[in-house]
Amino acid sequence: MATMRNLDIDQDFPVAGQDNESQGFRDNFDAIKESLTYTDDTLNEIIDTTVKLGVRNQSQIEGTLETVKLLATSETTVKSGSAIVLSSGQELNYQTGSYHSVILGASTSLAITGFPVPDETEDGRFAKMRLEAVVSTYNATTAGSFVVGQVYTIVSLGIGTNWIGIGATTATVGVIFKATGAGAGTGTAKQARTLSFTNSTPAGTIKYEGDWPTTLWVTSETNPIVVEFWSYDGGTTVYAEYIGYFGGSIKNTTIEGLVVNGDAVIGDAPADTIRFRGIPKLPLVPATTRDGLTPEYGMMIINDTTKRIQVYVEDTGLAQGNPASTTAGWINI
C-alpha cells in the first residue's frame, strides 16, 4: 500500500490573523514536493511488482502456499507450429510450458528437460508435463513397398492387395496393422511414425510404467497419442506414463504372452498367462452358442453352458496346444 510522507510539513503554518514569513511557505512546498515524489516512486514499484489483469505476469515468490483455493487456473500450452523432423537437439522443455502439442514429420526422439531443481532446503519439487503427438499429412505408400515390421494405416483398399495376408485384421480403410510382408496390388497405406525420449540430465534416467508400448507408434493426423512425464528431483529421474490414444473408436484387443502348458484349456495351469492391451470388444455377449455372431478379433462372449468367457483370436491352435495352427477361432479364458 502506498503512503505519503508528510512528517516535514508544518500543518500549523500559516497562522491566521498575522503576517507569515514566505520562507515557511517555501519549506512546506518543498516538503509536499518530496512527499509526492516518494509516493510516485512507491506506486511505480507496486505497478511493476504486482499481478496485472490481461497481461502475462511473472512472480518469483520463495515460500510455501497452504490451503489455497484456486479458481479458473490454467497452464501454458506449447505447439510446435509445424512438423518436427528428425534432428538433434530437440527438446520437451518444462520451462516453456506444461502441455506440448507436436506434429511428427518423421520418427523422432525428444530430450526431456527443464524440470525445476530443488534448493538445499527442499526435499524435491514435483512438476509434470504432457505431450500430445499426431503425424503430419504425407503421401501414402503403395502395396509392394511396405516394410516388414513397420506400422501402417490403410488408406485405400485398391485392387489385388491381400491386406489380411500382410498383417491386417480386416481389409478396411482406417485399420492399423504391422506389416508382415511387402504386399502387392494397388492398395495404399500411410506409415506411422515412432516417438522416443531421452533424459537430458547427466546420468539421468527415464522410468516407464508397465503398459508403456515397446514401440510408441503415432498413427493418426487427427487423433493424438498422449503421454505424461513428471519428476521431483530436477529431472534426474523422470517418470513416464502412456495415457492413451484419443479420438478413435474402442480399440481392438491384442493378446500378448499367451502360453499353454500341455493342455487344451487356458487358465487351468499355474503358468498359463493371457494379457490384454487395450479394451476388449464390448459388450460381452451372453450366448449359449456362437451362431449368428460375426466374430472379430478381440470379441468376447460369456458361454452360459460352460460358464466360461471365450475370446476370438487369430490362432485357435494356441487353445489346442498346436502353435503351428493359423486358423482363427474361439478360446476359453
C-alpha atoms as a PDB file:
ATOM      1  CA  MET A   1       0.000   0.000   0.000  1.00  0.00           C
ATOM      2  CA  ALA A   2       1.370   3.447  -0.931  1.00  0.00           C
ATOM      3  CA  THR A   3       1.888   6.001   1.867  1.00  0.00           C
ATOM      4  CA  MET A   4       2.586   9.733   1.697  1.00  0.00           C
ATOM      5  CA  ARG A   5       5.494  11.153   3.689  1.00  0.00           C
ATOM      6  CA  ASN A   6       4.199  14.246   5.464  1.00  0.00           C
ATOM      7  CA  LEU A   7       6.323  14.464   8.616  1.00  0.00           C
ATOM      8  CA  ASP A   8       8.229  17.503   7.317  1.00  0.00           C
ATOM      9  CA  ILE A   9       5.125  19.556   6.555  1.00  0.00           C
ATOM     10  CA  ASP A  10       4.217  22.194   9.134  1.00  0.00           C
ATOM     11  CA  GLN A  11       0.493  21.639   9.476  1.00  0.00           C
ATOM     12  CA  ASP A  12       0.104  24.761  11.670  1.00  0.00           C
ATOM     13  CA  PHE A  13       1.547  27.095   9.033  1.00  0.00           C
ATOM     14  CA  PRO A  14       0.435  29.669   8.040  1.00  0.00           C
ATOM     15  CA  VAL A  15      -1.078  31.146  11.202  1.00  0.00           C
ATOM     16  CA  ALA A  16      -4.318  33.019  10.635  1.00  0.00           C
ATOM     17  CA  GLY A  17      -4.546  36.694  11.608  1.00  0.00           C
ATOM     18  CA  GLN A  18      -0.856  37.538  11.424  1.00  0.00           C
ATOM     19  CA  ASP A  19       1.930  38.119   8.974  1.00  0.00           C
ATOM     20  CA  ASN A  20       3.717  34.870   7.989  1.00  0.00           C
ATOM     21  CA  GLU A  21       7.184  34.730   6.500  1.00  0.00           C
ATOM     22  CA  SER A  22       7.395  33.473   2.906  1.00  0.00           C
ATOM     23  CA  GLN A  23      10.118  31.001   3.893  1.00  0.00           C
ATOM     24  CA  GLY A  24       7.519  28.958   5.763  1.00  0.00           C
ATOM     25  CA  PHE A  25       5.538  28.598   2.534  1.00  0.00           C
ATOM     26  CA  ARG A  26       8.659  27.517   0.639  1.00  0.00           C
ATOM     27  CA  ASP A  27       9.520  24.928   3.289  1.00  0.00           C
ATOM     28  CA  ASN A  28       6.053  23.427   3.137  1.00  0.00           C
ATOM     29  CA  PHE A  29       6.059  23.426  -0.681  1.00  0.00           C
ATOM     30  CA  ASP A  30       9.395  21.575  -0.681  1.00  0.00           C
ATOM     31  CA  ALA A  31       8.047  19.015   1.810  1.00  0.00           C
ATOM     32  CA  ILE A  32       4.917  18.475  -0.329  1.00  0.00           C
ATOM     33  CA  LYS A  33       7.048  18.035  -3.453  1.00  0.00           C
ATOM     34  CA  GLU A  34       9.275  15.481  -1.688  1.00  0.00           C
ATOM     35  CA  SER A  35       6.237  13.554  -0.417  1.00  0.00           C
ATOM     36  CA  LEU A  36       4.628  13.446  -3.874  1.00  0.00           C
ATOM     37  CA  THR A  37       7.896  12.240  -5.429  1.00  0.00           C
ATOM     38  CA  TYR A  38       8.161   9.498  -2.805  1.00  0.00           C
ATOM     39  CA  THR A  39       4.546   8.446  -3.402  1.00  0.00           C
ATOM     40  CA  ASP A  40       5.107   8.344  -7.193  1.00  0.00           C
ATOM     41  CA  ASP A  41       8.136   6.088  -6.755  1.00  0.00           C
ATOM     42  CA  THR A  42       6.188   3.818  -4.400  1.00  0.00           C
ATOM     43  CA  LEU A  43       3.256   3.495  -6.817  1.00  0.00           C
ATOM     44  CA  ASN A  44       5.562   2.670  -9.727  1.00  0.00           C
ATOM     45  CA  GLU A  45       7.186  -0.066  -7.654  1.00  0.00           C
ATOM     46  CA  ILE A  46       3.758  -1.524  -6.837  1.00  0.00           C
ATOM     47  CA  ILE A  47       2.769  -1.436 -10.508  1.00  0.00           C
ATOM     48  CA  ASP A  48       5.985  -3.209 -11.502  1.00  0.00           C
ATOM     49  CA  THR A  49       5.747  -5.971  -8.874  1.00  0.00           C
ATOM     50  CA  THR A  50       2.053  -6.826  -8.598  1.00  0.00           C
ATOM     51  CA  VAL A  51      -0.203  -9.036 -10.712  1.00  0.00           C
ATOM     52  CA  LYS A  52      -1.972  -7.207 -13.538  1.00  0.00           C
ATOM     53  CA  LEU A  53      -5.140  -8.234 -15.342  1.00  0.00           C
ATOM     54  CA  GLY A  54      -4.988  -9.192 -19.011  1.00  0.00           C
ATOM     55  CA  VAL A  55      -1.197  -9.414 -19.352  1.00  0.00           C
ATOM     56  CA  ARG A  56       1.445 -12.057 -18.646  1.00  0.00           C
ATOM     57  CA  ASN A  57       2.750 -11.689 -15.084  1.00  0.00           C
ATOM     58  CA  GLN A  58       5.956 -13.139 -13.693  1.00  0.00           C
ATOM     59  CA  SER A  59       6.283 -13.739  -9.983  1.00  0.00           C
ATOM     60  CA  GLN A  60       9.184 -15.135  -8.012  1.00  0.00           C
ATOM     61  CA  ILE A  61       7.840 -15.973  -4.572  1.00  0.00           C
ATOM     62  CA  GLU A  62      10.104 -18.002  -2.327  1.00  0.00           C
ATOM     63  CA  GLY A  63       7.796 -19.716   0.079  1.00  0.00           C
ATOM     64  CA  THR A  64       5.047 -22.279   0.537  1.00  0.00           C
ATOM     65  CA  LEU A  65       1.356 -21.689  -0.086  1.00  0.00           C
ATOM     66  CA  GLU A  66      -1.013 -23.695   2.077  1.00  0.00           C
ATOM     67  CA  THR A  67      -4.790 -24.277   1.946  1.00  0.00           C
ATOM     68  CA  VAL A  68      -5.096 -22.139  -1.175  1.00  0.00           C
ATOM     69  CA  LYS A  69      -8.302 -22.294  -3.231  1.00  0.00           C
ATOM     70  CA  LEU A  70      -7.603 -21.817  -6.927  1.00  0.00           C
ATOM     71  CA  LEU A  71     -10.232 -20.666  -9.410  1.00  0.00           C
ATOM     72  CA  ALA A  72     -10.052 -20.753 -13.224  1.00  0.00           C
ATOM     73  CA  THR A  73      -6.362 -21.606 -13.316  1.00  0.00           C
ATOM     74  CA  SER A  74      -4.576 -22.897 -16.415  1.00  0.00           C
ATOM     75  CA  GLU A  75      -1.159 -23.967 -17.627  1.00  0.00           C
ATOM     76  CA  THR A  76       0.779 -22.880 -20.683  1.00  0.00           C
ATOM     77  CA  THR A  77       0.397 -24.887 -23.906  1.00  0.00           C
ATOM     78  CA  VAL A  78       3.240 -25.128 -26.417  1.00  0.00           C
ATOM     79  CA  LYS A  79       2.522 -26.000 -30.053  1.00  0.00           C
ATOM     80  CA  SER A  80       5.244 -26.859 -32.495  1.00  0.00           C
ATOM     81  CA  GLY A  81       3.585 -24.850 -35.258  1.00  0.00           C
ATOM     82  CA  SER A  82       4.995 -27.149 -37.911  1.00  0.00           C
ATOM     83  CA  ALA A  83       6.087 -30.727 -38.393  1.00  0.00           C
ATOM     84  CA  ILE A  84       9.016 -31.894 -36.288  1.00  0.00           C
ATOM     85  CA  VAL A  85      11.623 -33.680 -38.361  1.00  0.00           C
ATOM     86  CA  LEU A  86      14.292 -35.978 -37.083  1.00  0.00           C
ATOM     87  CA  SER A  87      17.278 -33.904 -35.970  1.00  0.00           C
ATOM     88  CA  SER A  88      19.480 -33.418 -32.932  1.00  0.00           C
ATOM     89  CA  GLY A  89      18.800 -31.090 -30.029  1.00  0.00           C
ATOM     90  CA  GLN A  90      15.024 -31.390 -29.966  1.00  0.00           C
ATOM     91  CA  GLU A  91      13.532 -30.893 -26.514  1.00  0.00           C
ATOM     92  CA  LEU A  92      10.422 -31.316 -24.478  1.00  0.00           C
ATOM     93  CA  ASN A  93      11.095 -28.463 -22.048  1.00  0.00           C
ATOM     94  CA  TYR A  94       9.069 -27.901 -18.885  1.00  0.00           C
ATOM     95  CA  GLN A  95      10.246 -24.272 -18.735  1.00  0.00           C
ATOM     96  CA  THR A  96       8.336 -23.415 -21.902  1.00  0.00           C
ATOM     97  CA  GLY A  97       5.027 -24.985 -20.951  1.00  0.00           C
ATOM     98  CA  SER A  98       3.143 -27.774 -19.198  1.00  0.00           C
ATOM     99  CA  TYR A  99       1.329 -29.139 -22.259  1.00  0.00           C
ATOM    100  CA  HIS A 100       3.119 -29.702 -25.552  1.00  0.00           C
ATOM    101  CA  SER A 101       1.446 -30.433 -28.895  1.00  0.00           C
ATOM    102  CA  VAL A 102       3.657 -31.679 -31.740  1.00  0.00           C
ATOM    103  CA  ILE A 103       3.244 -32.850 -35.318  1.00  0.00           C
ATOM    104  CA  LEU A 104       5.650 -35.557 -36.423  1.00  0.00           C
ATOM    105  CA  GLY A 105       7.033 -35.321 -39.923  1.00  0.00           C
ATOM    106  CA  ALA A 106       9.370 -38.228 -39.232  1.00  0.00           C
ATOM    107  CA  SER A 107      10.198 -40.703 -36.490  1.00  0.00           C
ATOM    108  CA  THR A 108      11.517 -38.507 -33.720  1.00  0.00           C
ATOM    109  CA  SER A 109      13.401 -38.550 -30.412  1.00  0.00           C
ATOM    110  CA  LEU A 110      12.847 -35.775 -27.862  1.00  0.00           C
ATOM    111  CA  ALA A 111      15.011 -34.862 -24.868  1.00  0.00           C
ATOM    112  CA  ILE A 112      13.165 -34.360 -21.563  1.00  0.00           C
ATOM    113  CA  THR A 113      14.469 -31.242 -19.820  1.00  0.00           C
ATOM    114  CA  GLY A 114      13.718 -28.140 -17.763  1.00  0.00           C
ATOM    115  CA  PHE A 115      12.188 -29.593 -14.587  1.00  0.00           C
ATOM    116  CA  PRO A 116      12.599 -27.237 -11.563  1.00  0.00           C
ATOM    117  CA  VAL A 117      15.614 -28.051  -9.397  1.00  0.00           C
ATOM    118  CA  PRO A 118      15.064 -28.030  -5.595  1.00  0.00           C
ATOM    119  CA  ASP A 119      17.391 -25.921  -3.478  1.00  0.00           C
ATOM    120  CA  GLU A 120      19.394 -27.121  -0.478  1.00  0.00           C
ATOM    121  CA  THR A 121      16.470 -26.711   1.943  1.00  0.00           C
ATOM    122  CA  GLU A 122      13.967 -28.793  -0.064  1.00  0.00           C
ATOM    123  CA  ASP A 123      13.385 -32.499  -0.475  1.00  0.00           C
ATOM    124  CA  GLY A 124      12.128 -32.002  -4.003  1.00  0.00           C
ATOM    125  CA  ARG A 125       9.904 -30.103  -6.397  1.00  0.00           C
ATOM    126  CA  PHE A 126       7.188 -32.092  -8.153  1.00  0.00           C
ATOM    127  CA  ALA A 127       6.422 -31.000 -11.696  1.00  0.00           C
ATOM    128  CA  LYS A 128       4.743 -32.710 -14.652  1.00  0.00           C
ATOM    129  CA  MET A 129       4.053 -32.088 -18.313  1.00  0.00           C
ATOM    130  CA  ARG A 130       2.019 -33.779 -21.030  1.00  0.00           C
ATOM    131  CA  LEU A 131       2.685 -34.314 -24.702  1.00  0.00           C
ATOM    132  CA  GLU A 132       0.214 -34.966 -27.490  1.00  0.00           C
ATOM    133  CA  ALA A 133       1.502 -36.102 -30.867  1.00  0.00           C
ATOM    134  CA  VAL A 134      -0.018 -36.630 -34.287  1.00  0.00           C
ATOM    135  CA  VAL A 135       1.584 -37.263 -37.667  1.00  0.00           C
ATOM    136  CA  SER A 136       1.731 -34.709 -40.440  1.00  0.00           C
ATOM    137  CA  THR A 137      -0.093 -35.115 -43.741  1.00  0.00           C
ATOM    138  CA  TYR A 138       2.047 -37.111 -46.155  1.00  0.00           C
ATOM    139  CA  ASN A 139       1.758 -39.296 -49.214  1.00  0.00           C
ATOM    140  CA  ALA A 140       0.630 -42.889 -48.801  1.00  0.00           C
ATOM    141  CA  THR A 141       2.775 -45.921 -49.680  1.00  0.00           C
ATOM    142  CA  THR A 142       1.578 -48.327 -52.372  1.00  0.00           C
ATOM    143  CA  ALA A 143       1.456 -52.070 -51.705  1.00  0.00           C
ATOM    144  CA  GLY A 144       4.650 -53.751 -52.819  1.00  0.00           C
ATOM    145  CA  SER A 145       6.722 -51.175 -50.936  1.00  0.00           C
ATOM    146  CA  PHE A 146       5.587 -51.890 -47.378  1.00  0.00           C
ATOM    147  CA  VAL A 147       8.445 -52.542 -44.942  1.00  0.00           C
ATOM    148  CA  VAL A 148       8.112 -55.599 -42.720  1.00  0.00           C
ATOM    149  CA  GLY A 149       7.763 -54.616 -39.073  1.00  0.00           C
ATOM    150  CA  GLN A 150       6.572 -51.074 -39.824  1.00  0.00           C
ATOM    151  CA  VAL A 151       3.096 -49.931 -38.800  1.00  0.00           C
ATOM    152  CA  TYR A 152       0.640 -48.619 -41.395  1.00  0.00           C
ATOM    153  CA  THR A 153      -2.931 -47.338 -41.642  1.00  0.00           C
ATOM    154  CA  ILE A 154      -4.950 -48.499 -44.646  1.00  0.00           C
ATOM    155  CA  VAL A 155      -5.888 -45.559 -46.900  1.00  0.00           C
ATOM    156  CA  SER A 156      -7.383 -47.299 -49.940  1.00  0.00           C
ATOM    157  CA  LEU A 157      -8.115 -50.995 -50.465  1.00  0.00           C
ATOM    158  CA  GLY A 158      -7.049 -50.963 -54.124  1.00  0.00           C
ATOM    159  CA  ILE A 159      -7.107 -53.975 -56.412  1.00  0.00           C
ATOM    160  CA  GLY A 160      -5.181 -57.165 -55.786  1.00  0.00           C
ATOM    161  CA  THR A 161      -3.942 -56.277 -52.292  1.00  0.00           C
ATOM    162  CA  ASN A 162      -4.361 -59.059 -49.720  1.00  0.00           C
ATOM    163  CA  TRP A 163      -4.399 -56.918 -46.575  1.00  0.00           C
ATOM    164  CA  ILE A 164      -5.078 -59.791 -44.189  1.00  0.00           C
ATOM    165  CA  GLY A 165      -2.191 -61.695 -45.750  1.00  0.00           C
ATOM    166  CA  ILE A 166       0.257 -58.925 -44.800  1.00  0.00           C
ATOM    167  CA  GLY A 167      -0.885 -58.393 -41.209  1.00  0.00           C
ATOM    168  CA  ALA A 168      -4.199 -56.502 -41.157  1.00  0.00           C
ATOM    169  CA  THR A 169      -7.041 -57.955 -39.100  1.00  0.00           C
ATOM    170  CA  THR A 170      -9.587 -56.879 -41.721  1.00  0.00           C
ATOM    171  CA  ALA A 171      -9.452 -55.259 -45.152  1.00  0.00           C
ATOM    172  CA  THR A 172     -10.980 -51.981 -44.007  1.00  0.00           C
ATOM    173  CA  VAL A 173      -9.911 -48.377 -44.599  1.00  0.00           C
ATOM    174  CA  GLY A 174      -8.528 -46.952 -41.348  1.00  0.00           C
ATOM    175  CA  VAL A 175      -7.325 -50.278 -39.926  1.00  0.00           C
ATOM    176  CA  ILE A 176      -3.875 -50.062 -38.360  1.00  0.00           C
ATOM    177  CA  PHE A 177      -1.550 -53.022 -38.868  1.00  0.00           C
ATOM    178  CA  LYS A 178       2.078 -54.091 -38.611  1.00  0.00           C
ATOM    179  CA  ALA A 179       3.305 -55.258 -41.995  1.00  0.00           C
ATOM    180  CA  THR A 180       4.352 -58.895 -42.291  1.00  0.00           C
ATOM    181  CA  GLY A 181       5.124 -58.550 -45.977  1.00  0.00           C
ATOM    182  CA  ALA A 182       5.691 -56.014 -48.756  1.00  0.00           C
ATOM    183  CA  GLY A 183       2.242 -56.613 -50.240  1.00  0.00           C
ATOM    184  CA  ALA A 184       1.082 -56.442 -53.832  1.00  0.00           C
ATOM    185  CA  GLY A 185      -1.569 -54.701 -55.908  1.00  0.00           C
ATOM    186  CA  THR A 186      -2.725 -51.078 -55.892  1.00  0.00           C
ATOM    187  CA  GLY A 187      -3.787 -50.646 -52.239  1.00  0.00           C
ATOM    188  CA  THR A 188      -2.214 -47.780 -50.283  1.00  0.00           C
ATOM    189  CA  ALA A 189      -1.411 -47.161 -46.622  1.00  0.00           C
ATOM    190  CA  LYS A 190       0.256 -44.440 -44.562  1.00  0.00           C
ATOM    191  CA  GLN A 191       3.285 -45.328 -42.494  1.00  0.00           C
ATOM    192  CA  ALA A 192       3.162 -44.463 -38.811  1.00  0.00           C
ATOM    193  CA  ARG A 193       5.932 -42.538 -37.027  1.00  0.00           C
ATOM    194  CA  THR A 194       7.778 -43.597 -33.899  1.00  0.00           C
ATOM    195  CA  LEU A 195       8.334 -41.339 -30.912  1.00  0.00           C
ATOM    196  CA  SER A 196      11.059 -41.933 -28.326  1.00  0.00           C
ATOM    197  CA  PHE A 197      12.630 -39.962 -25.483  1.00  0.00           C
ATOM    198  CA  THR A 198      15.946 -39.368 -23.742  1.00  0.00           C
ATOM    199  CA  ASN A 199      16.792 -37.793 -20.389  1.00  0.00           C
ATOM    200  CA  SER A 200      18.969 -34.722 -20.919  1.00  0.00           C
ATOM    201  CA  THR A 201      20.087 -34.595 -17.254  1.00  0.00           C
ATOM    202  CA  PRO A 202      23.611 -36.032 -16.838  1.00  0.00           C
ATOM    203  CA  ALA A 203      23.282 -39.572 -15.514  1.00  0.00           C
ATOM    204  CA  GLY A 204      19.503 -39.127 -15.557  1.00  0.00           C
ATOM    205  CA  THR A 205      17.051 -41.935 -16.222  1.00  0.00           C
ATOM    206  CA  ILE A 206      13.504 -42.335 -17.526  1.00  0.00           C
ATOM    207  CA  LYS A 207      11.353 -44.911 -15.744  1.00  0.00           C
ATOM    208  CA  TYR A 208       8.464 -46.129 -17.894  1.00  0.00           C
ATOM    209  CA  GLU A 209       5.228 -47.534 -16.438  1.00  0.00           C
ATOM    210  CA  GLY A 210       4.409 -51.147 -17.153  1.00  0.00           C
ATOM    211  CA  ASP A 211       1.991 -50.541 -20.029  1.00  0.00           C
ATOM    212  CA  TRP A 212       4.294 -48.249 -21.973  1.00  0.00           C
ATOM    213  CA  PRO A 213       4.365 -49.638 -25.549  1.00  0.00           C
ATOM    214  CA  THR A 214       7.541 -51.375 -26.656  1.00  0.00           C
ATOM    215  CA  THR A 215       7.443 -49.029 -29.649  1.00  0.00           C
ATOM    216  CA  LEU A 216       5.403 -45.835 -29.387  1.00  0.00           C
ATOM    217  CA  TRP A 217       3.733 -45.596 -32.798  1.00  0.00           C
ATOM    218  CA  VAL A 218       1.958 -42.373 -33.784  1.00  0.00           C
ATOM    219  CA  THR A 219      -0.559 -43.299 -36.462  1.00  0.00           C
ATOM    220  CA  SER A 220      -3.116 -40.515 -36.945  1.00  0.00           C
ATOM    221  CA  GLU A 221      -3.203 -36.984 -38.328  1.00  0.00           C
ATOM    222  CA  THR A 222      -6.141 -36.051 -36.092  1.00  0.00           C
ATOM    223  CA  ASN A 223      -6.282 -38.455 -33.133  1.00  0.00           C
ATOM    224  CA  PRO A 224      -3.295 -37.855 -30.840  1.00  0.00           C
ATOM    225  CA  ILE A 225      -1.169 -40.142 -28.730  1.00  0.00           C
ATOM    226  CA  VAL A 226      -0.872 -38.604 -25.230  1.00  0.00           C
ATOM    227  CA  VAL A 227       1.935 -39.303 -22.746  1.00  0.00           C
ATOM    228  CA  GLU A 228       2.853 -37.722 -19.416  1.00  0.00           C
ATOM    229  CA  PHE A 229       6.184 -37.111 -17.667  1.00  0.00           C
ATOM    230  CA  TRP A 230       6.945 -35.999 -14.118  1.00  0.00           C
ATOM    231  CA  SER A 231       9.904 -35.544 -11.793  1.00  0.00           C
ATOM    232  CA  TYR A 232      10.564 -34.354  -8.247  1.00  0.00           C
ATOM    233  CA  ASP A 233      14.362 -34.147  -8.307  1.00  0.00           C
ATOM    234  CA  GLY A 234      15.004 -31.679 -11.105  1.00  0.00           C
ATOM    235  CA  GLY A 235      14.780 -34.292 -13.848  1.00  0.00           C
ATOM    236  CA  THR A 236      17.422 -36.702 -12.560  1.00  0.00           C
ATOM    237  CA  THR A 237      14.672 -39.324 -12.529  1.00  0.00           C
ATOM    238  CA  VAL A 238      11.775 -38.812 -14.919  1.00  0.00           C
ATOM    239  CA  TYR A 239       8.681 -40.995 -14.705  1.00  0.00           C
ATOM    240  CA  ALA A 240       6.793 -41.668 -17.939  1.00  0.00           C
ATOM    241  CA  GLU A 241       3.213 -42.880 -18.388  1.00  0.00           C
ATOM    242  CA  TYR A 242       1.365 -43.770 -21.580  1.00  0.00           C
ATOM    243  CA  ILE A 243      -2.032 -42.064 -21.245  1.00  0.00           C
ATOM    244  CA  GLY A 244      -3.523 -43.393 -24.450  1.00  0.00           C
ATOM    245  CA  TYR A 245      -4.763 -42.879 -27.986  1.00  0.00           C
ATOM    246  CA  PHE A 246      -7.524 -40.282 -28.079  1.00  0.00           C
ATOM    247  CA  GLY A 247     -10.270 -39.723 -30.618  1.00  0.00           C
ATOM    248  CA  GLY A 248     -10.599 -43.165 -32.147  1.00  0.00           C
ATOM    249  CA  SER A 249     -13.226 -45.808 -31.601  1.00  0.00           C
ATOM    250  CA  ILE A 250     -12.843 -48.526 -28.971  1.00  0.00           C
ATOM    251  CA  LYS A 251      -9.690 -50.300 -29.964  1.00  0.00           C
ATOM    252  CA  ASN A 252      -9.297 -53.949 -30.765  1.00  0.00           C
ATOM    253  CA  THR A 253      -7.824 -56.227 -28.169  1.00  0.00           C
ATOM    254  CA  THR A 254      -4.402 -57.645 -28.832  1.00  0.00           C
ATOM    255  CA  ILE A 255      -3.139 -60.654 -26.922  1.00  0.00           C
ATOM    256  CA  GLU A 256       0.383 -60.884 -25.534  1.00  0.00           C
ATOM    257  CA  GLY A 257       2.256 -63.655 -23.781  1.00  0.00           C
ATOM    258  CA  LEU A 258      -0.331 -66.374 -24.382  1.00  0.00           C
ATOM    259  CA  VAL A 259       1.248 -69.587 -23.057  1.00  0.00           C
ATOM    260  CA  VAL A 260      -0.310 -73.052 -22.814  1.00  0.00           C
ATOM    261  CA  ASN A 261       1.496 -75.794 -20.914  1.00  0.00           C
ATOM    262  CA  GLY A 262       0.424 -79.073 -22.477  1.00  0.00           C
ATOM    263  CA  ASP A 263      -3.313 -78.626 -22.100  1.00  0.00           C
ATOM    264  CA  ALA A 264      -6.215 -77.521 -24.266  1.00  0.00           C
ATOM    265  CA  VAL A 265      -7.805 -75.085 -21.815  1.00  0.00           C
ATOM    266  CA  ILE A 266      -6.338 -71.715 -20.909  1.00  0.00           C
ATOM    267  CA  GLY A 267      -6.207 -70.983 -17.215  1.00  0.00           C
ATOM    268  CA  ASP A 268      -6.019 -74.427 -15.656  1.00  0.00           C
ATOM    269  CA  ALA A 269      -2.236 -74.460 -15.250  1.00  0.00           C
ATOM    270  CA  PRO A 270      -0.266 -72.110 -12.961  1.00  0.00           C
ATOM    271  CA  ALA A 271       1.953 -70.921 -15.812  1.00  0.00           C
ATOM    272  CA  ASP A 272      -0.917 -70.154 -18.212  1.00  0.00           C
ATOM    273  CA  THR A 273      -0.969 -66.415 -18.883  1.00  0.00           C
ATOM    274  CA  ILE A 274      -3.056 -64.181 -21.096  1.00  0.00           C
ATOM    275  CA  ARG A 275      -2.736 -60.420 -21.166  1.00  0.00           C
ATOM    276  CA  PHE A 276      -4.849 -57.811 -22.945  1.00  0.00           C
ATOM    277  CA  ARG A 277      -3.525 -54.445 -24.047  1.00  0.00           C
ATOM    278  CA  GLY A 278      -6.354 -52.033 -24.687  1.00  0.00           C
ATOM    279  CA  ILE A 279     -10.056 -52.654 -24.261  1.00  0.00           C
ATOM    280  CA  PRO A 280     -11.832 -55.885 -25.254  1.00  0.00           C
ATOM    281  CA  LYS A 281     -14.564 -55.631 -27.864  1.00  0.00           C
ATOM    282  CA  LEU A 282     -17.622 -54.659 -25.833  1.00  0.00           C
ATOM    283  CA  PRO A 283     -20.191 -55.523 -24.704  1.00  0.00           C
ATOM    284  CA  LEU A 284     -19.622 -59.053 -23.516  1.00  0.00           C
ATOM    285  CA  VAL A 285     -22.203 -61.148 -25.356  1.00  0.00           C
ATOM    286  CA  PRO A 286     -24.193 -63.724 -23.329  1.00  0.00           C
ATOM    287  CA  ALA A 287     -24.686 -66.731 -25.603  1.00  0.00           C
ATOM    288  CA  THR A 288     -25.080 -70.474 -25.230  1.00  0.00           C
ATOM    289  CA  THR A 289     -23.847 -70.811 -28.819  1.00  0.00           C
ATOM    290  CA  ARG A 290     -21.965 -68.567 -31.195  1.00  0.00           C
ATOM    291  CA  ASP A 291     -24.493 -68.956 -34.002  1.00  0.00           C
ATOM    292  CA  GLY A 292     -25.351 -65.690 -35.694  1.00  0.00           C
ATOM    293  CA  LEU A 293     -22.342 -63.809 -34.342  1.00  0.00           C
ATOM    294  CA  THR A 294     -19.921 -62.181 -36.727  1.00  0.00           C
ATOM    295  CA  PRO A 295     -16.643 -62.785 -34.911  1.00  0.00           C
ATOM    296  CA  GLU A 296     -13.922 -60.143 -34.742  1.00  0.00           C
ATOM    297  CA  TYR A 297     -10.503 -60.425 -33.160  1.00  0.00           C
ATOM    298  CA  GLY A 298     -10.846 -59.461 -29.515  1.00  0.00           C
ATOM    299  CA  MET A 299     -14.608 -60.113 -29.273  1.00  0.00           C
ATOM    300  CA  MET A 300     -15.540 -61.791 -26.005  1.00  0.00           C
ATOM    301  CA  ILE A 301     -18.632 -63.813 -25.100  1.00  0.00           C
ATOM    302  CA  ILE A 302     -19.981 -65.396 -21.937  1.00  0.00           C
ATOM    303  CA  ASN A 303     -20.855 -69.022 -22.644  1.00  0.00           C
ATOM    304  CA  ASP A 304     -23.851 -69.783 -20.430  1.00  0.00           C
ATOM    305  CA  THR A 305     -23.374 -73.518 -20.853  1.00  0.00           C
ATOM    306  CA  THR A 306     -19.700 -73.809 -19.906  1.00  0.00           C
ATOM    307  CA  LYS A 307     -19.769 -70.780 -17.585  1.00  0.00           C
ATOM    308  CA  ARG A 308     -16.559 -69.652 -19.227  1.00  0.00           C
ATOM    309  CA  ILE A 309     -15.560 -66.477 -21.029  1.00  0.00           C
ATOM    310  CA  GLN A 310     -14.371 -67.069 -24.572  1.00  0.00           C
ATOM    311  CA  VAL A 311     -12.380 -64.725 -26.788  1.00  0.00           C
ATOM    312  CA  TYR A 312     -11.943 -64.773 -30.551  1.00  0.00           C
ATOM    313  CA  VAL A 313      -8.247 -64.853 -31.518  1.00  0.00           C
ATOM    314  CA  GLU A 314      -6.208 -65.337 -34.652  1.00  0.00           C
ATOM    315  CA  ASP A 315      -4.784 -68.724 -33.710  1.00  0.00           C
ATOM    316  CA  THR A 316      -7.045 -71.385 -32.200  1.00  0.00           C
ATOM    317  CA  GLY A 317      -4.073 -73.701 -32.317  1.00  0.00           C
ATOM    318  CA  LEU A 318      -2.934 -71.961 -29.141  1.00  0.00           C
ATOM    319  CA  ALA A 319      -6.010 -73.351 -27.400  1.00  0.00           C
ATOM    320  CA  GLN A 320      -5.375 -76.797 -28.831  1.00  0.00           C
ATOM    321  CA  GLY A 321      -1.688 -76.878 -27.975  1.00  0.00           C
ATOM    322  CA  ASN A 322      -0.730 -76.615 -31.645  1.00  0.00           C
ATOM    323  CA  PRO A 323       1.338 -73.458 -32.255  1.00  0.00           C
ATOM    324  CA  ALA A 324       1.504 -74.235 -35.976  1.00  0.00           C
ATOM    325  CA  SER A 325      -2.206 -73.596 -36.476  1.00  0.00           C
ATOM    326  CA  THR A 326      -3.125 -70.346 -38.217  1.00  0.00           C
ATOM    327  CA  THR A 327      -6.891 -70.704 -38.078  1.00  0.00           C
ATOM    328  CA  ALA A 328      -8.820 -68.020 -36.206  1.00  0.00           C
ATOM    329  CA  GLY A 329     -11.316 -69.145 -33.607  1.00  0.00           C
ATOM    330  CA  TRP A 330     -12.588 -69.062 -30.010  1.00  0.00           C
ATOM    331  CA  ILE A 331     -10.601 -69.960 -26.925  1.00  0.00           C
ATOM    332  CA  ASN A 332     -11.611 -70.272 -23.273  1.00  0.00           C
ATOM    333  CA  ILE A 333     -10.038 -67.876 -20.792  1.00  0.00           C
END
